[in-house]
Amino acid sequence: MNNATKFGALIAATLGFGHVANAAGFIDQISMDPTYYAGWACNPATPNVPGWVHFYRSDNKFVGFLRAESQREAAVGGICGDAGAHGFAGNVQQNWSLYDSLTYQIRAYFIPDDGRVEMELQNRINVVFTPPPVPTVENCGGGAPGVGWVQIKDKGFCTLNSWSNSTYRTWVYLPAYGVGATIDVCSLPSVPSSWLHVSTQISTECTGISQHAFTIRKMTN
């Protein structure tokens, strides 16, 4: 965010939403790829008190949280009545089940360390919850690229060399998925214990020995 945008945000928090005594901060930006939230939050009635910022979607689902205690510009300090150490910025670990490709309005609440009532920040931002890309690798007859990779497709013939053919395989990197993710894989032995085997079905995507796909869901990180 450039200085002009930051200044506009501060003016909006100070003037556009009522008297400064009622202000509690501003969401500067939210992005999904990578997941990044930034802004500032305080209670002007109690200077020098940091806290946490909790984020919610417009369907009332909890998104995540960040600590609000990093140094911001002097204008923030002028609103909060102190040196301005009320910024928050960073990655929010969102549950994979939130990624439904729909648009939601994000609201945020400042929860101060002194135990006072939480205060909603002065703006809300519309965000499309598009699933982040998951790394994939395709190879001809090769094995897993490394630890954490599992096969999701085993389909079609490919030429290894002048005298041998094999099967074209697609691999996906499981650690890239968040809690709540559900996918189909071609083999269970390589799936870590943090994933739950949900069901088994015949699949045209997995044409190996079993010709079955295994639906798994990530339960923990």
C-alpha atoms as a PDB file:
ATOM      1  CA  MET A   1       0.000   0.000   0.000  1.00  0.00           C
ATOM      2  CA  ASN A   2       1.433   3.410  -0.972  1.00  0.00           C
ATOM      3  CA  ASN A   3       1.517   6.427   1.344  1.00  0.00           C
ATOM      4  CA  ALA A   4      -1.496   8.041  -0.309  1.00  0.00           C
ATOM      5  CA  THR A   5      -3.592   4.924   0.201  1.00  0.00           C
ATOM      6  CA  LYS A   6      -2.465   4.608   3.811  1.00  0.00           C
ATOM      7  CA  PHE A   7      -3.288   8.274   4.437  1.00  0.00           C
ATOM      8  CA  GLY A   8      -6.726   7.782   2.890  1.00  0.00           C
ATOM      9  CA  ALA A   9      -7.337   4.786   5.110  1.00  0.00           C
ATOM     10  CA  LEU A  10      -6.406   6.775   8.190  1.00  0.00           C
ATOM     11  CA  ILE A  11      -8.646   9.676   7.201  1.00  0.00           C
ATOM     12  CA  ALA A  12     -11.522   7.263   6.604  1.00  0.00           C
ATOM     13  CA  ALA A  13     -10.981   5.684  10.001  1.00  0.00           C
ATOM     14  CA  THR A  14     -10.831   9.092  11.673  1.00  0.00           C
ATOM     15  CA  LEU A  15     -13.538  10.995   9.833  1.00  0.00           C
ATOM     16  CA  GLY A  16     -15.586   8.721   7.614  1.00  0.00           C
ATOM     17  CA  PHE A  17     -16.741   6.381  10.354  1.00  0.00           C
ATOM     18  CA  GLY A  18     -17.327   8.771  13.229  1.00  0.00           C
ATOM     19  CA  HIS A  19     -15.298  10.361  15.998  1.00  0.00           C
ATOM     20  CA  VAL A  20     -11.768   9.081  16.585  1.00  0.00           C
ATOM     21  CA  ALA A  21     -12.704   7.834  20.064  1.00  0.00           C
ATOM     22  CA  ASN A  22     -14.865   5.209  18.398  1.00  0.00           C
ATOM     23  CA  ALA A  23     -12.189   4.164  15.894  1.00  0.00           C
ATOM     24  CA  ALA A  24     -10.484   0.804  16.307  1.00  0.00           C
ATOM     25  CA  GLY A  25      -8.402   0.449  13.156  1.00  0.00           C
ATOM     26  CA  PHE A  26      -8.453  -0.389   9.476  1.00  0.00           C
ATOM     27  CA  ILE A  27      -7.926  -3.380   7.180  1.00  0.00           C
ATOM     28  CA  ASP A  28      -5.351  -2.172   4.648  1.00  0.00           C
ATOM     29  CA  GLN A  29      -5.342  -5.224   2.413  1.00  0.00           C
ATOM     30  CA  ILE A  30      -6.231  -8.905   2.040  1.00  0.00           C
ATOM     31  CA  SER A  31      -4.914 -11.278  -0.608  1.00  0.00           C
ATOM     32  CA  MET A  32      -5.470 -14.988  -1.155  1.00  0.00           C
ATOM     33  CA  ASP A  33      -2.379 -16.049  -3.148  1.00  0.00           C
ATOM     34  CA  PRO A  34      -0.479 -16.068  -0.952  1.00  0.00           C
ATOM     35  CA  THR A  35      -2.827 -15.510   1.976  1.00  0.00           C
ATOM     36  CA  TYR A  36      -1.922 -12.148   3.466  1.00  0.00           C
ATOM     37  CA  TYR A  37      -3.769  -9.761   5.804  1.00  0.00           C
ATOM     38  CA  ALA A  38      -2.526  -6.320   6.886  1.00  0.00           C
ATOM     39  CA  GLY A  39      -3.801  -3.285   8.761  1.00  0.00           C
ATOM     40  CA  TRP A  40      -3.824  -1.745  12.213  1.00  0.00           C
ATOM     41  CA  ALA A  41      -6.050  -1.898  15.287  1.00  0.00           C
ATOM     42  CA  CYS A  42      -6.280  -0.192  18.678  1.00  0.00           C
ATOM     43  CA  ASN A  43      -8.652   1.191  21.285  1.00  0.00           C
ATOM     44  CA  PRO A  44      -7.984   4.960  21.494  1.00  0.00           C
ATOM     45  CA  ALA A  45      -9.458   4.961  25.001  1.00  0.00           C
ATOM     46  CA  THR A  46      -6.587   2.764  26.229  1.00  0.00           C
ATOM     47  CA  PRO A  47      -3.286   3.765  24.577  1.00  0.00           C
ATOM     48  CA  ASN A  48      -0.280   1.429  24.565  1.00  0.00           C
ATOM     49  CA  VAL A  49      -2.431  -1.722  24.798  1.00  0.00           C
ATOM     50  CA  PRO A  50      -1.752  -4.252  21.997  1.00  0.00           C
ATOM     51  CA  GLY A  51      -3.960  -7.214  21.222  1.00  0.00           C
ATOM     52  CA  TRP A  52      -5.232  -9.698  18.659  1.00  0.00           C
ATOM     53  CA  VAL A  53      -7.290  -9.197  15.519  1.00  0.00           C
ATOM     54  CA  HIS A  54      -9.826 -11.900  14.650  1.00  0.00           C
ATOM     55  CA  PHE A  55     -11.245 -12.169  11.121  1.00  0.00           C
ATOM     56  CA  TYR A  56     -14.720 -13.392  10.129  1.00  0.00           C
ATOM     57  CA  ARG A  57     -16.506 -13.863   6.813  1.00  0.00           C
ATOM     58  CA  SER A  58     -19.972 -12.512   6.057  1.00  0.00           C
ATOM     59  CA  ASP A  59     -21.335 -16.058   6.511  1.00  0.00           C
ATOM     60  CA  ASN A  60     -20.056 -15.790  10.132  1.00  0.00           C
ATOM     61  CA  LYS A  61     -17.307 -18.385   9.645  1.00  0.00           C
ATOM     62  CA  PHE A  62     -14.106 -17.711  11.565  1.00  0.00           C
ATOM     63  CA  VAL A  63     -11.162 -17.146   9.211  1.00  0.00           C
ATOM     64  CA  GLY A  64      -8.143 -16.661  11.481  1.00  0.00           C
ATOM     65  CA  PHE A  65      -6.195 -14.171  13.591  1.00  0.00           C
ATOM     66  CA  LEU A  66      -3.068 -12.019  13.755  1.00  0.00           C
ATOM     67  CA  ARG A  67      -1.217 -10.150  16.489  1.00  0.00           C
ATOM     68  CA  ALA A  68      -1.546  -6.336  16.358  1.00  0.00           C
ATOM     69  CA  GLU A  69       1.602  -4.857  17.878  1.00  0.00           C
ATOM     70  CA  SER A  70       4.021  -3.921  15.078  1.00  0.00           C
ATOM     71  CA  GLN A  71       5.120  -0.352  14.522  1.00  0.00           C
ATOM     72  CA  ARG A  72       3.067   1.779  12.136  1.00  0.00           C
ATOM     73  CA  GLU A  73       3.349   5.338  10.846  1.00  0.00           C
ATOM     74  CA  ALA A  74       2.996   8.383  13.076  1.00  0.00           C
ATOM     75  CA  ALA A  75      -0.587   8.959  11.931  1.00  0.00           C
ATOM     76  CA  VAL A  76      -1.646   5.673  13.543  1.00  0.00           C
ATOM     77  CA  GLY A  77       0.026   6.748  16.766  1.00  0.00           C
ATOM     78  CA  GLY A  78      -1.866  10.038  16.560  1.00  0.00           C
ATOM     79  CA  ILE A  79      -5.181   8.186  16.369  1.00  0.00           C
ATOM     80  CA  CYS A  80      -4.318   5.601  19.024  1.00  0.00           C
ATOM     81  CA  GLY A  81      -2.734   8.147  21.390  1.00  0.00           C
ATOM     82  CA  ASP A  82       0.669   6.492  21.639  1.00  0.00           C
ATOM     83  CA  ALA A  83       3.725   5.558  19.554  1.00  0.00           C
ATOM     84  CA  GLY A  84       1.644   3.614  17.031  1.00  0.00           C
ATOM     85  CA  ALA A  85       2.729   0.008  17.666  1.00  0.00           C
ATOM     86  CA  HIS A  86      -0.615  -1.439  16.545  1.00  0.00           C
ATOM     87  CA  GLY A  87       0.035  -2.889  13.098  1.00  0.00           C
ATOM     88  CA  PHE A  88      -0.773  -6.414  11.981  1.00  0.00           C
ATOM     89  CA  ALA A  89       0.511  -8.129   8.841  1.00  0.00           C
ATOM     90  CA  GLY A  90       1.129 -11.705   7.827  1.00  0.00           C
ATOM     91  CA  ASN A  91      -0.163 -15.032   6.655  1.00  0.00           C
ATOM     92  CA  VAL A  92      -3.454 -16.257   8.126  1.00  0.00           C
ATOM     93  CA  GLN A  93      -3.679 -20.057   8.338  1.00  0.00           C
ATOM     94  CA  GLN A  94      -7.131 -20.578   6.823  1.00  0.00           C
ATOM     95  CA  ASN A  95      -8.995 -23.885   6.899  1.00  0.00           C
ATOM     96  CA  TRP A  96      -9.049 -25.404   3.420  1.00  0.00           C
ATOM     97  CA  SER A  97     -12.820 -25.853   3.625  1.00  0.00           C
ATOM     98  CA  LEU A  98     -13.170 -22.053   3.369  1.00  0.00           C
ATOM     99  CA  TYR A  99     -11.918 -22.084  -0.226  1.00  0.00           C
ATOM    100  CA  ASP A 100     -15.221 -22.346  -2.101  1.00  0.00           C
ATOM    101  CA  SER A 101     -14.477 -19.756  -4.850  1.00  0.00           C
ATOM    102  CA  LEU A 102     -17.255 -17.464  -3.568  1.00  0.00           C
ATOM    103  CA  THR A 103     -17.042 -13.804  -2.574  1.00  0.00           C
ATOM    104  CA  TYR A 104     -17.396 -12.845   1.093  1.00  0.00           C
ATOM    105  CA  GLN A 105     -17.071  -9.643   3.056  1.00  0.00           C
ATOM    106  CA  ILE A 106     -14.334  -9.844   5.699  1.00  0.00           C
ATOM    107  CA  ARG A 107     -14.789  -8.036   8.997  1.00  0.00           C
ATOM    108  CA  ALA A 108     -12.229  -7.837  11.796  1.00  0.00           C
ATOM    109  CA  TYR A 109     -12.367  -7.368  15.571  1.00  0.00           C
ATOM    110  CA  PHE A 110      -9.666  -6.004  17.838  1.00  0.00           C
ATOM    111  CA  ILE A 111      -9.390  -7.946  21.116  1.00  0.00           C
ATOM    112  CA  PRO A 112      -7.147  -5.927  23.480  1.00  0.00           C
ATOM    113  CA  ASP A 113      -4.856  -7.565  26.013  1.00  0.00           C
ATOM    114  CA  ASP A 114      -6.451  -5.627  28.889  1.00  0.00           C
ATOM    115  CA  GLY A 115      -9.622  -7.710  28.603  1.00  0.00           C
ATOM    116  CA  ARG A 116     -11.879  -4.895  27.437  1.00  0.00           C
ATOM    117  CA  VAL A 117     -14.709  -5.553  25.006  1.00  0.00           C
ATOM    118  CA  GLU A 118     -13.710  -6.345  21.412  1.00  0.00           C
ATOM    119  CA  MET A 119     -14.121  -3.577  18.831  1.00  0.00           C
ATOM    120  CA  GLU A 120     -14.874  -4.016  15.149  1.00  0.00           C
ATOM    121  CA  LEU A 121     -12.416  -2.349  12.792  1.00  0.00           C
ATOM    122  CA  GLN A 122     -13.734   0.521  10.718  1.00  0.00           C
ATOM    123  CA  ASN A 123     -13.962  -1.123   7.296  1.00  0.00           C
ATOM    124  CA  ARG A 124     -14.753  -4.404   5.588  1.00  0.00           C
ATOM    125  CA  ILE A 125     -13.196  -5.904   2.449  1.00  0.00           C
ATOM    126  CA  ASN A 126     -14.753  -8.177  -0.193  1.00  0.00           C
ATOM    127  CA  VAL A 127     -12.596 -11.227  -0.890  1.00  0.00           C
ATOM    128  CA  VAL A 128     -12.960 -14.131  -3.345  1.00  0.00           C
ATOM    129  CA  PHE A 129     -11.918 -17.339  -1.577  1.00  0.00           C
ATOM    130  CA  THR A 130     -10.169 -18.920  -4.547  1.00  0.00           C
ATOM    131  CA  PRO A 131      -8.232 -22.082  -3.641  1.00  0.00           C
ATOM    132  CA  PRO A 132      -4.461 -21.546  -3.784  1.00  0.00           C
ATOM    133  CA  PRO A 133      -2.567 -23.588  -6.395  1.00  0.00           C
ATOM    134  CA  VAL A 134      -1.165 -26.918  -5.240  1.00  0.00           C
ATOM    135  CA  PRO A 135       2.183 -28.053  -6.742  1.00  0.00           C
ATOM    136  CA  THR A 136       1.905 -30.946  -9.201  1.00  0.00           C
ATOM    137  CA  VAL A 137       4.461 -32.957 -11.167  1.00  0.00           C
ATOM    138  CA  GLU A 138       3.909 -35.195 -14.194  1.00  0.00           C
ATOM    139  CA  ASN A 139       6.314 -37.900 -15.292  1.00  0.00           C
ATOM    140  CA  CYS A 140       6.532 -40.963 -17.501  1.00  0.00           C
ATOM    141  CA  GLY A 141       6.826 -44.053 -15.363  1.00  0.00           C
ATOM    142  CA  GLY A 142       8.742 -42.270 -12.645  1.00  0.00           C
ATOM    143  CA  GLY A 143       8.244 -42.528  -8.924  1.00  0.00           C
ATOM    144  CA  ALA A 144       7.245 -39.862  -6.431  1.00  0.00           C
ATOM    145  CA  PRO A 145       9.324 -36.652  -6.765  1.00  0.00           C
ATOM    146  CA  GLY A 146      10.040 -36.764  -3.034  1.00  0.00           C
ATOM    147  CA  VAL A 147       8.599 -36.989   0.459  1.00  0.00           C
ATOM    148  CA  GLY A 148       5.038 -35.701   0.701  1.00  0.00           C
ATOM    149  CA  TRP A 149       4.089 -36.393  -2.930  1.00  0.00           C
ATOM    150  CA  VAL A 150       1.249 -38.786  -3.790  1.00  0.00           C
ATOM    151  CA  GLN A 151      -0.102 -40.017  -7.112  1.00  0.00           C
ATOM    152  CA  ILE A 152      -3.509 -38.716  -8.245  1.00  0.00           C
ATOM    153  CA  LYS A 153      -3.521 -39.956 -11.866  1.00  0.00           C
ATOM    154  CA  ASP A 154      -2.142 -42.985 -13.672  1.00  0.00           C
ATOM    155  CA  LYS A 155      -3.499 -42.660 -17.161  1.00  0.00           C
ATOM    156  CA  GLY A 156      -2.271 -43.063 -20.724  1.00  0.00           C
ATOM    157  CA  PHE A 157       0.826 -44.661 -22.174  1.00  0.00           C
ATOM    158  CA  CYS A 158       4.109 -42.867 -22.667  1.00  0.00           C
ATOM    159  CA  THR A 159       7.456 -43.871 -24.168  1.00  0.00           C
ATOM    160  CA  LEU A 160      10.328 -44.372 -21.754  1.00  0.00           C
ATOM    161  CA  ASN A 161      12.846 -45.267 -24.477  1.00  0.00           C
ATOM    162  CA  SER A 162      13.035 -47.009 -27.836  1.00  0.00           C
ATOM    163  CA  TRP A 163      12.153 -50.437 -26.368  1.00  0.00           C
ATOM    164  CA  SER A 164       9.927 -49.674 -23.386  1.00  0.00           C
ATOM    165  CA  ASN A 165       6.610 -47.948 -22.670  1.00  0.00           C
ATOM    166  CA  SER A 166       5.148 -46.912 -19.335  1.00  0.00           C
ATOM    167  CA  THR A 167       2.246 -44.990 -17.834  1.00  0.00           C
ATOM    168  CA  TYR A 168       1.934 -41.233 -17.597  1.00  0.00           C
ATOM    169  CA  ARG A 169       1.573 -40.271 -13.912  1.00  0.00           C
ATOM    170  CA  THR A 170       0.548 -37.106 -12.068  1.00  0.00           C
ATOM    171  CA  TRP A 171       1.710 -36.382  -8.520  1.00  0.00           C
ATOM    172  CA  VAL A 172       0.497 -33.778  -6.033  1.00  0.00           C
ATOM    173  CA  TYR A 173       2.244 -32.314  -2.983  1.00  0.00           C
ATOM    174  CA  LEU A 174       0.072 -33.127   0.057  1.00  0.00           C
ATOM    175  CA  PRO A 175       1.622 -30.651   2.572  1.00  0.00           C
ATOM    176  CA  ALA A 176       0.346 -27.783   0.379  1.00  0.00           C
ATOM    177  CA  TYR A 177      -3.244 -28.620   1.310  1.00  0.00           C
ATOM    178  CA  GLY A 178      -4.919 -27.130   4.351  1.00  0.00           C
ATOM    179  CA  VAL A 179      -7.051 -28.854   6.989  1.00  0.00           C
ATOM    180  CA  GLY A 180     -10.393 -29.876   5.503  1.00  0.00           C
ATOM    181  CA  ALA A 181      -9.092 -30.563   1.986  1.00  0.00           C
ATOM    182  CA  THR A 182     -10.546 -33.677   0.298  1.00  0.00           C
ATOM    183  CA  ILE A 183      -8.878 -35.300  -2.735  1.00  0.00           C
ATOM    184  CA  ASP A 184      -8.699 -38.637  -4.574  1.00  0.00           C
ATOM    185  CA  VAL A 185      -5.374 -40.503  -4.741  1.00  0.00           C
ATOM    186  CA  CYS A 186      -4.276 -43.712  -6.445  1.00  0.00           C
ATOM    187  CA  SER A 187      -2.433 -45.258  -3.490  1.00  0.00           C
ATOM    188  CA  LEU A 188      -2.835 -45.230   0.275  1.00  0.00           C
ATOM    189  CA  PRO A 189       0.562 -46.423   1.631  1.00  0.00           C
ATOM    190  CA  SER A 190       2.208 -43.058   0.906  1.00  0.00           C
ATOM    191  CA  VAL A 191      -0.524 -41.004   2.609  1.00  0.00           C
ATOM    192  CA  PRO A 192       0.542 -39.583   6.014  1.00  0.00           C
ATOM    193  CA  SER A 193      -1.425 -40.193   9.212  1.00  0.00           C
ATOM    194  CA  SER A 194      -2.739 -36.610   9.227  1.00  0.00           C
ATOM    195  CA  TRP A 195      -5.090 -37.654   6.406  1.00  0.00           C
ATOM    196  CA  LEU A 196      -8.220 -39.799   6.890  1.00  0.00           C
ATOM    197  CA  HIS A 197      -9.237 -42.468   4.365  1.00  0.00           C
ATOM    198  CA  VAL A 198     -12.884 -41.613   3.643  1.00  0.00           C
ATOM    199  CA  SER A 199     -13.912 -44.019   0.846  1.00  0.00           C
ATOM    200  CA  THR A 200     -12.736 -46.225  -2.024  1.00  0.00           C
ATOM    201  CA  GLN A 201     -14.171 -46.348  -5.525  1.00  0.00           C
ATOM    202  CA  ILE A 202     -13.352 -47.640  -9.011  1.00  0.00           C
ATOM    203  CA  SER A 203     -11.668 -44.900 -10.995  1.00  0.00           C
ATOM    204  CA  THR A 204     -10.685 -44.257 -14.602  1.00  0.00           C
ATOM    205  CA  GLU A 205      -7.977 -41.887 -13.327  1.00  0.00           C
ATOM    206  CA  CYS A 206      -6.050 -44.660 -11.575  1.00  0.00           C
ATOM    207  CA  THR A 207      -5.362 -47.466 -14.041  1.00  0.00           C
ATOM    208  CA  GLY A 208      -2.702 -49.320 -12.045  1.00  0.00           C
ATOM    209  CA  ILE A 209      -3.039 -52.710 -10.391  1.00  0.00           C
ATOM    210  CA  SER A 210      -6.017 -51.821  -8.180  1.00  0.00           C
ATOM    211  CA  GLN A 211      -7.850 -49.508 -10.637  1.00  0.00           C
ATOM    212  CA  HIS A 212      -9.312 -47.786  -7.591  1.00  0.00           C
ATOM    213  CA  ALA A 213      -9.161 -44.261  -6.241  1.00  0.00           C
ATOM    214  CA  PHE A 214      -9.038 -43.530  -2.529  1.00  0.00           C
ATOM    215  CA  THR A 215     -10.764 -40.431  -1.174  1.00  0.00           C
ATOM    216  CA  ILE A 216      -8.796 -38.865   1.671  1.00  0.00           C
ATOM    217  CA  ARG A 217      -9.381 -35.799   3.875  1.00  0.00           C
ATOM    218  CA  LYS A 218      -6.776 -33.800   5.769  1.00  0.00           C
ATOM    219  CA  MET A 219      -7.674 -33.777   9.491  1.00  0.00           C
ATOM    220  CA  THR A 220      -4.656 -32.057  11.104  1.00  0.00           C
ATOM    221  CA  ASN A 221      -1.494 -30.205  10.075  1.00  0.00           C
END
